[in-house]
Amino acid sequence: MTSREWSAILFAGVFLSAHFGLWFESLNHTSVASSTLILALQPAIALIGGLIFFKEKIQLRTLLALGIAFIGVAIVGGGNLGLGRDVLYVISYLYYPFFPLSFIY
């Protein structure tokens, strides 16, 4: 394997392990249902990452679908998404999109 491939593997491993480490710790502070609802927002985080790091163009229908997804999570989650106690899993989902992006590297 080349050094570039090893770098991609290391990059993926660091972000995936950070995601799971923070997520598992977050389960000590919140419910599994609440944590899983935030996981449903992972495509939005990946979309923002693609916009920032790869300069991808976002179509209007993609933004519309993203808005509908946010509304759906808000409806299902209701008042169960208290950010104060759920910071760990929110941060863990910021790491998650970098795992598959590392394979593009």
Protein backbone atom coordinates (compact mmCIF):
# COMPACT_ATOMS: atom_id res chain seq x y z
CA MET A 1 0.00 0.00 0.00
CA THR A 2 1.14 3.51 -0.70
CA SER A 3 1.69 6.15 1.95
CA ARG A 4 -1.33 8.03 0.62
CA GLU A 5 -3.54 4.98 1.16
CA TRP A 6 -2.17 4.54 4.70
CA SER A 7 -2.91 8.21 5.36
CA ALA A 8 -6.50 7.74 4.19
CA ILE A 9 -6.90 4.70 6.44
CA LEU A 10 -5.49 6.60 9.43
CA PHE A 11 -7.71 9.61 8.68
CA ALA A 12 -10.80 7.37 8.47
CA GLY A 13 -9.87 5.49 11.64
CA VAL A 14 -9.37 8.62 13.72
CA PHE A 15 -12.72 10.14 12.77
CA LEU A 16 -14.67 6.88 13.01
CA SER A 17 -13.21 6.07 16.42
CA ALA A 18 -13.90 9.64 17.64
CA HIS A 19 -17.49 9.33 16.42
CA PHE A 20 -18.14 6.02 18.16
CA GLY A 21 -16.25 6.96 21.34
CA LEU A 22 -18.26 10.14 21.78
CA TRP A 23 -21.50 8.43 20.80
CA PHE A 24 -21.06 5.61 23.32
CA GLU A 25 -20.26 8.13 26.05
CA SER A 26 -23.32 10.19 25.08
CA LEU A 27 -25.54 7.17 25.76
CA ASN A 28 -24.62 7.57 29.44
CA HIS A 29 -26.15 11.05 29.37
CA THR A 30 -29.21 10.77 27.12
CA SER A 31 -31.64 8.25 25.69
CA VAL A 32 -30.90 6.02 22.74
CA ALA A 33 -33.98 7.42 20.98
CA SER A 34 -32.78 11.00 21.34
CA SER A 35 -29.29 10.09 20.15
CA THR A 36 -30.64 8.19 17.14
CA LEU A 37 -32.80 11.13 16.12
CA ILE A 38 -29.72 13.29 15.82
CA LEU A 39 -28.08 10.53 13.76
CA ALA A 40 -30.86 11.11 11.23
CA LEU A 41 -29.31 14.54 10.60
CA GLN A 42 -25.98 13.03 9.47
CA PRO A 43 -26.75 13.54 5.74
CA ALA A 44 -27.13 17.27 6.43
CA ILE A 45 -23.71 17.37 8.05
CA ALA A 46 -22.24 15.46 5.09
CA LEU A 47 -23.90 17.93 2.71
CA ILE A 48 -22.33 20.86 4.54
CA GLY A 49 -18.96 19.06 4.56
CA GLY A 50 -19.17 18.51 0.80
CA LEU A 51 -20.00 22.17 0.31
CA ILE A 52 -17.07 23.35 2.42
CA PHE A 53 -14.37 20.84 1.48
CA PHE A 54 -15.27 19.85 -2.08
CA LYS A 55 -17.05 23.01 -3.25
CA GLU A 56 -20.07 20.98 -4.33
CA LYS A 57 -23.01 22.88 -5.74
CA ILE A 58 -26.28 22.42 -3.90
CA GLN A 59 -29.52 22.32 -5.87
CA LEU A 60 -32.70 23.94 -4.61
CA ARG A 61 -34.48 20.57 -4.36
CA THR A 62 -31.66 19.29 -2.15
CA LEU A 63 -32.15 22.22 0.22
CA LEU A 64 -35.88 21.56 0.19
CA ALA A 65 -35.34 17.90 1.09
CA LEU A 66 -32.93 18.95 3.82
CA GLY A 67 -35.52 21.32 5.26
CA ILE A 68 -38.14 18.59 5.25
CA ALA A 69 -35.71 16.27 7.05
CA PHE A 70 -35.06 18.88 9.75
CA ILE A 71 -38.80 19.38 10.22
CA GLY A 72 -39.30 15.61 10.48
CA VAL A 73 -36.62 15.25 13.14
CA ALA A 74 -38.13 18.17 15.07
CA ILE A 75 -41.61 16.61 14.91
CA VAL A 76 -40.46 13.14 15.96
CA GLY A 77 -38.03 14.42 18.58
CA GLY A 78 -40.30 17.03 20.01
CA GLY A 79 -38.92 18.35 23.27
CA ASN A 80 -36.64 15.36 23.73
CA LEU A 81 -33.68 17.04 22.00
CA GLY A 82 -32.17 19.08 24.83
CA LEU A 83 -28.83 20.27 23.45
CA GLY A 84 -27.36 21.01 26.86
CA ARG A 85 -27.09 17.38 27.91
CA ASP A 86 -26.75 15.96 24.41
CA VAL A 87 -23.59 17.79 23.34
CA LEU A 88 -21.46 14.62 23.14
CA TYR A 89 -23.53 12.90 20.50
CA VAL A 90 -23.97 16.11 18.51
CA ILE A 91 -20.19 16.41 18.41
CA SER A 92 -19.84 12.71 17.56
CA TYR A 93 -22.02 13.20 14.48
CA LEU A 94 -19.79 16.02 13.33
CA TYR A 95 -17.00 13.43 13.08
CA TYR A 96 -19.05 10.79 11.28
CA PRO A 97 -19.14 12.29 7.75
CA PHE A 98 -15.35 12.47 7.66
CA PHE A 99 -15.11 8.68 7.76
CA PRO A 100 -16.61 8.05 4.28
CA LEU A 101 -15.05 11.26 2.91
CA SER A 102 -11.64 9.83 3.72
CA PHE A 103 -12.04 7.23 0.99
CA ILE A 104 -12.20 10.04 -1.58
CA TYR A 105 -8.92 11.41 -0.27
